[in-house]
Every structure is written in structure tokens, then in C-alpha cells.
Amino acid sequence: GRLFFRASDGTDGVELWRSDGTPGGTVMVKDVNSGVGGSSPGGLIVVGGTVFFRADDGINGVELWKSDGTAGATVMVKDINAGVASSEPYLLTAVGSTLFFRADDGTNGEELWKSDGTASGTVMVKDINPGSAWSLLASLTGFCGTLFFRADDGTNGGELWKSDGTPGGTVMVKDTNPGSGGSTLWWLTVLDGTLFFDASDGVNGHELWKSDGTEAGTAMAKDIYPGSICSTPLWLTAVGGTLFFRPMTAPTALSSGPGATLPR
């Protein structure tokens, strides 16, 4: 196996490097942005044996790149925001053989994109917030072969969405906080076939929620602090069969337990 990472040798700036664990096998893959400037690669993720990342070659701005570990095959996938402007691909997330990410093509704002590693197969999935407005994508998470994430369509506020990679299959799971307010969710974590997240329904405050990916199966796990007081669960982390998190309202408490983990 090989490790891919970003580094600077003091001459070529921050570039993509690889290592097999030996001094001789630790080398720069390619000087993407020649000279001391560096391409500042970020968001490295492996999909189907290919490393995808964002980088700036000094000509096309920050765009989506890929590499097989050789200089010749380290290339820009697509100049999404054509010219010197940057599409700023962020939140690179693999679901099966598909790479999902957030990008701005200069026309539709920051929206959900996908790529199969080819220019023609790198496309916007859906203009969730129509026009140049951003959909404020966050927390991209793969669950049961589907991408789940937070998005704002400009009408319902930030809510839980899902996508199968098609426009028709990219939909809001549930309007947890009805209206334009949004449920303010951020932390998405998978545990034992259930998606857990933090959200506010506008009545019970910011609490722990769970979903099976359907509207009917999306509900509050527990009103940890009853009523409108927020427990604001942070840093949802699955370890084995247990979900750990910290209620922000009780900063000294570490919450744990099987399944839908709740404070003790």
C-alpha cells in the first residue's frame, strides 16, 4: 500500500506526495503548480483505486484533480469554473464508486456535484437552491448506498437531504422544522443501520434525531432536555455499537449508550 499526503520540500511548495514507508519510496508525485507557489492539494480521498483531490495549478484556479500515483496520470478532472476562477471543490465524499462534492461553476452557486473521474462524468447533480444562490451544503455522509447531507433550497431552510446521484433522486428527506427556519443540523453519523444527527424542530430545541432515510422514519431520538431547552448534541461519533456525543448545554457530560445513545 501507499500513503498519499501533501508536503513541501522547501523548493516546490506544497504538493501531492506518496510514500511506501521507505525513504526511497517517499517522493513528490507531481509538481502541479511549478515553482515555490505550490498547488496546495486538499480533500484527498480514494475512490476505486484513484486519489481525488482539489488543487490549484496556477492557471485554472482550484479545481478537481485525480492521480494514480504517477506524474503522467496526475491530471485535472475538469475545469468546473472555467478559466482562472476556482470551483473550490470541497467535502469530497465517496459513496460506492461515485465521488460527491460541493462546487461552484460560476453560474449556479455552490451546489452538489458528482464525478466518475472523467470530464464528461463530472456534473452538477442538482441546482438545489435555484440560480446563483448557494444551497449551503454540509455534512456529506454515505448511508446505505445513498448520500445524505444538509442543504438549504431557499424555501425550507437547512434540512436533511439525500441523493442517489440523479436530479430526481435528490430530495429533502423531511422538513424537520417546517417553514424557512431550517433545523440547523450539522453532525451526521451512521450507527447500526441508522443515521443519527442533531436538529431542531422549532418546538423541542436542538436535540438528537435519527433517520432510516425516509420521511416517516425520521424522528427525534429523545428530547434530552425536555421542552424548548436545547441539549445541542455535538461531535456525534460511533464506536462499535455505541454513539458518543457531548450535549453542549452540559459541557462536562459525555453521553453514551447502545443504539440511540443518551445522557446518563
Protein backbone atom coordinates (compact mmCIF):
# COMPACT_ATOMS: atom_id res chain seq x y z
CA GLY A 1 0.00 0.00 0.00
CA ARG A 2 0.92 3.65 -0.39
CA LEU A 3 0.17 6.73 1.62
CA PHE A 4 -0.75 9.95 -0.20
CA PHE A 5 -0.30 13.28 1.54
CA ARG A 6 0.57 16.93 0.99
CA ALA A 7 4.01 18.29 1.77
CA SER A 8 6.63 20.85 0.81
CA ASP A 9 10.29 20.04 0.26
CA GLY A 10 11.20 23.70 0.64
CA THR A 11 11.67 24.11 -3.10
CA ASP A 12 8.46 23.18 -4.88
CA GLY A 13 5.81 24.45 -2.48
CA VAL A 14 3.02 22.27 -1.06
CA GLU A 15 2.33 19.44 -3.50
CA LEU A 16 1.00 15.87 -3.63
CA TRP A 17 3.41 13.26 -2.29
CA ARG A 18 3.31 9.50 -1.82
CA SER A 19 5.14 7.04 0.39
CA ASP A 20 5.55 3.29 0.72
CA GLY A 21 7.12 3.74 4.13
CA THR A 22 10.72 3.91 2.96
CA PRO A 23 12.94 6.97 2.35
CA GLY A 24 13.47 5.99 -1.28
CA GLY A 25 9.76 5.41 -1.81
CA THR A 26 8.72 8.77 -0.38
CA VAL A 27 8.54 11.13 -3.34
CA MET A 28 6.59 14.03 -4.79
CA VAL A 29 4.00 12.69 -7.23
CA LYS A 30 3.88 15.80 -9.40
CA ASP A 31 4.78 19.50 -9.21
CA VAL A 32 1.25 20.55 -10.17
CA ASN A 33 1.93 24.27 -9.70
CA SER A 34 5.54 24.60 -10.76
CA GLY A 35 7.82 26.60 -8.52
CA VAL A 36 7.57 27.68 -4.91
CA GLY A 37 3.86 28.56 -5.07
CA GLY A 38 2.57 25.03 -4.70
CA SER A 39 -0.83 23.63 -5.66
CA SER A 40 -1.96 23.16 -2.03
CA PRO A 41 -3.77 19.84 -2.61
CA GLY A 42 -6.60 19.12 -0.19
CA GLY A 43 -9.54 16.83 0.47
CA LEU A 44 -7.64 13.69 -0.55
CA ILE A 45 -9.91 10.68 -0.93
CA VAL A 46 -9.56 7.30 -2.68
CA VAL A 47 -12.37 6.12 -4.95
CA GLY A 48 -11.89 2.92 -6.91
CA GLY A 49 -8.10 3.00 -6.65
CA THR A 50 -7.83 6.63 -7.74
CA VAL A 51 -6.91 9.52 -5.47
CA PHE A 52 -9.10 12.59 -5.93
CA PHE A 53 -8.25 16.00 -4.52
CA ARG A 54 -8.57 19.71 -5.13
CA ALA A 55 -5.55 21.65 -6.36
CA ASP A 56 -4.53 24.91 -8.00
CA ASP A 57 -2.17 24.62 -10.96
CA GLY A 58 -1.75 28.39 -11.13
CA ILE A 59 -3.76 28.60 -14.35
CA ASN A 60 -7.23 27.13 -13.78
CA GLY A 61 -7.82 28.02 -10.15
CA VAL A 62 -8.73 25.45 -7.50
CA GLU A 63 -10.33 22.53 -9.34
CA LEU A 64 -10.87 18.77 -9.06
CA TRP A 65 -7.81 16.60 -9.76
CA LYS A 66 -7.05 12.89 -9.71
CA SER A 67 -3.96 10.68 -9.54
CA ASP A 68 -2.93 7.05 -9.73
CA GLY A 69 0.36 7.88 -8.04
CA THR A 70 2.31 8.67 -11.20
CA ALA A 71 3.13 12.11 -12.58
CA GLY A 72 1.70 11.33 -16.00
CA ALA A 73 -1.69 10.29 -14.63
CA THR A 74 -1.98 13.17 -12.17
CA VAL A 75 -4.35 15.44 -14.05
CA MET A 76 -7.20 17.89 -13.63
CA VAL A 77 -10.51 16.08 -13.97
CA LYS A 78 -12.46 19.11 -15.15
CA ASP A 79 -12.19 22.90 -15.10
CA ILE A 80 -15.62 23.25 -13.50
CA ASN A 81 -15.43 27.03 -13.18
CA ALA A 82 -13.73 27.71 -16.50
CA GLY A 83 -10.66 29.93 -16.62
CA VAL A 84 -8.70 31.33 -13.71
CA ALA A 85 -11.72 31.29 -11.37
CA SER A 86 -12.00 28.43 -8.87
CA SER A 87 -14.84 25.97 -8.38
CA GLU A 88 -13.44 25.19 -4.91
CA PRO A 89 -14.45 21.51 -4.71
CA TYR A 90 -14.91 20.69 -1.04
CA LEU A 91 -16.44 17.92 1.10
CA LEU A 92 -15.17 15.17 -1.22
CA THR A 93 -17.16 12.07 -0.23
CA ALA A 94 -17.26 8.59 -1.75
CA VAL A 95 -20.48 6.60 -1.98
CA GLY A 96 -19.72 3.37 -3.77
CA SER A 97 -17.83 4.22 -6.96
CA THR A 98 -19.18 7.77 -7.13
CA LEU A 99 -17.43 10.85 -5.81
CA PHE A 100 -19.73 13.55 -4.47
CA PHE A 101 -18.60 17.05 -3.59
CA ARG A 102 -19.59 20.70 -3.32
CA ALA A 103 -18.52 23.06 -6.11
CA ASP A 104 -19.33 26.39 -7.76
CA ASP A 105 -19.38 26.54 -11.56
CA GLY A 106 -19.67 30.33 -11.53
CA THR A 107 -23.33 30.26 -12.54
CA ASN A 108 -25.31 28.11 -10.12
CA GLY A 109 -23.53 28.88 -6.86
CA GLU A 110 -22.12 26.15 -4.61
CA GLU A 111 -24.16 23.04 -5.31
CA LEU A 112 -23.92 19.24 -5.21
CA TRP A 113 -21.69 17.67 -7.87
CA LYS A 114 -20.55 14.16 -8.69
CA SER A 115 -17.72 12.63 -10.70
CA ASP A 116 -16.77 9.27 -12.15
CA GLY A 117 -13.25 10.52 -12.84
CA THR A 118 -13.92 11.76 -16.36
CA ALA A 119 -14.65 15.29 -17.56
CA SER A 120 -17.96 14.26 -19.13
CA GLY A 121 -18.94 12.35 -16.00
CA THR A 122 -18.26 15.31 -13.71
CA VAL A 123 -21.58 17.12 -13.49
CA MET A 124 -23.81 19.07 -11.15
CA VAL A 125 -26.32 16.68 -9.61
CA LYS A 126 -28.97 19.30 -8.94
CA ASP A 127 -29.29 23.07 -8.51
CA ILE A 128 -30.91 22.67 -5.10
CA ASN A 129 -31.18 26.40 -4.46
CA PRO A 130 -32.03 27.61 -8.00
CA GLY A 131 -29.97 30.32 -9.62
CA SER A 132 -26.72 31.73 -8.31
CA ALA A 133 -27.65 31.28 -4.64
CA TRP A 134 -25.81 28.63 -2.64
CA SER A 135 -27.55 25.61 -1.12
CA LEU A 136 -25.12 25.70 1.84
CA LEU A 137 -24.23 22.02 1.57
CA ALA A 138 -22.63 20.44 4.62
CA SER A 139 -22.04 17.10 6.37
CA LEU A 140 -21.95 14.83 3.29
CA THR A 141 -22.33 11.25 4.58
CA GLY A 142 -22.78 7.93 2.81
CA PHE A 143 -25.52 5.70 4.23
CA CYS A 144 -26.95 2.52 2.68
CA GLY A 145 -25.58 3.42 -0.77
CA THR A 146 -27.13 6.88 -0.68
CA LEU A 147 -25.61 10.29 0.05
CA PHE A 148 -27.14 12.21 2.95
CA PHE A 149 -26.36 15.83 3.66
CA ARG A 150 -27.59 19.17 4.90
CA ALA A 151 -28.90 21.63 2.29
CA ASP A 152 -30.99 24.78 2.00
CA ASP A 153 -33.24 25.00 -1.06
CA GLY A 154 -34.03 28.66 -0.37
CA THR A 155 -37.51 27.81 0.88
CA ASN A 156 -37.26 25.30 3.72
CA GLY A 157 -34.02 26.36 5.36
CA GLY A 158 -31.22 23.92 6.16
CA GLU A 159 -32.71 20.42 6.33
CA LEU A 160 -31.73 16.77 5.84
CA TRP A 161 -31.46 15.78 2.18
CA LYS A 162 -30.46 12.65 0.28
CA SER A 163 -29.25 11.86 -3.23
CA ASP A 164 -28.81 8.80 -5.40
CA GLY A 165 -26.80 10.87 -7.88
CA THR A 166 -29.74 11.85 -10.08
CA PRO A 167 -31.73 15.12 -10.08
CA GLY A 168 -34.99 13.29 -9.39
CA GLY A 169 -33.42 11.26 -6.61
CA THR A 170 -32.01 14.33 -4.85
CA VAL A 171 -34.73 15.30 -2.40
CA MET A 172 -35.34 16.64 1.08
CA VAL A 173 -35.88 13.76 3.50
CA LYS A 174 -38.03 15.73 5.91
CA ASP A 175 -38.83 19.36 6.69
CA THR A 176 -37.95 18.85 10.35
CA ASN A 177 -38.55 22.48 11.26
CA PRO A 178 -41.45 23.46 8.96
CA GLY A 179 -41.00 26.74 7.13
CA SER A 180 -37.90 28.68 6.18
CA GLY A 181 -36.18 28.48 9.57
CA GLY A 182 -34.34 25.21 8.99
CA SER A 183 -33.47 22.53 11.55
CA THR A 184 -29.83 23.64 11.90
CA LEU A 185 -28.39 20.15 11.57
CA TRP A 186 -24.63 19.60 11.23
CA TRP A 187 -23.46 16.28 12.66
CA LEU A 188 -24.40 13.19 10.62
CA THR A 189 -23.19 9.81 11.89
CA VAL A 190 -24.13 6.24 10.94
CA LEU A 191 -24.59 3.60 13.63
CA ASP A 192 -26.01 0.09 13.15
CA GLY A 193 -28.09 0.93 10.08
CA THR A 194 -29.42 4.20 11.44
CA LEU A 195 -28.42 7.76 10.60
CA PHE A 196 -28.12 9.99 13.66
CA PHE A 197 -27.94 13.78 13.55
CA ASP A 198 -28.60 16.91 15.57
CA ALA A 199 -31.61 19.05 14.71
CA SER A 200 -34.27 21.43 15.97
CA ASP A 201 -37.93 21.03 15.09
CA GLY A 202 -38.74 24.51 16.38
CA VAL A 203 -40.57 23.10 19.40
CA ASN A 204 -38.23 20.84 21.37
CA GLY A 205 -35.00 22.72 20.90
CA HIS A 206 -31.83 21.32 19.34
CA GLU A 207 -31.84 17.58 20.12
CA LEU A 208 -30.67 14.16 18.90
CA TRP A 209 -32.55 12.81 15.87
CA LYS A 210 -32.41 9.62 13.83
CA SER A 211 -33.46 8.51 10.36
CA ASP A 212 -33.75 5.40 8.22
CA GLY A 213 -33.68 7.61 5.12
CA THR A 214 -37.43 8.05 4.81
CA GLU A 215 -39.67 10.89 5.95
CA ALA A 216 -41.74 8.57 8.13
CA GLY A 217 -38.61 7.05 9.66
CA THR A 218 -37.06 10.40 10.60
CA ALA A 219 -37.83 11.35 14.19
CA MET A 220 -36.35 12.78 17.35
CA ALA A 221 -34.48 10.06 19.26
CA LYS A 222 -35.08 11.76 22.59
CA ASP A 223 -35.84 15.21 23.99
CA ILE A 224 -32.74 15.12 26.22
CA TYR A 225 -33.57 18.42 27.88
CA PRO A 226 -37.40 18.49 27.89
CA GLY A 227 -39.24 21.38 26.35
CA SER A 228 -37.68 24.15 24.33
CA ILE A 229 -34.29 23.92 26.09
CA CYS A 230 -31.57 22.75 23.69
CA SER A 231 -29.17 19.93 24.51
CA THR A 232 -27.32 20.68 21.24
CA PRO A 233 -25.52 17.33 20.82
CA LEU A 234 -22.05 17.84 19.32
CA TRP A 235 -19.32 15.61 17.86
CA LEU A 236 -21.53 12.59 17.19
CA THR A 237 -19.11 9.66 16.98
CA ALA A 238 -19.88 5.96 16.50
CA VAL A 239 -17.57 3.49 18.26
CA GLY A 240 -18.53 -0.14 17.84
CA GLY A 241 -22.21 -0.31 18.68
CA THR A 242 -22.27 2.90 20.70
CA LEU A 243 -22.85 6.52 19.74
CA PHE A 244 -20.97 9.11 21.78
CA PHE A 245 -21.68 12.83 21.82
CA ARG A 246 -21.49 15.86 24.06
CA PRO A 247 -24.57 17.90 24.92
CA MET A 248 -23.40 21.48 24.60
CA THR A 249 -25.73 22.65 27.36
CA ALA A 250 -23.94 20.30 29.78
CA PRO A 251 -20.26 20.77 28.80
CA THR A 252 -18.92 18.29 31.35
CA ALA A 253 -21.18 15.42 30.30
CA LEU A 254 -20.16 12.69 27.87
CA SER A 255 -23.21 10.86 26.65
CA SER A 256 -23.10 7.21 25.69
CA GLY A 257 -25.14 4.05 25.45
CA PRO A 258 -26.25 1.41 22.93
CA GLY A 259 -28.14 2.41 19.82
CA ALA A 260 -29.58 5.90 20.17
CA THR A 261 -27.08 6.96 22.81
CA LEU A 262 -28.45 9.20 25.53
CA PRO A 263 -27.02 11.02 28.56
CA ARG A 264 -26.55 9.14 31.81
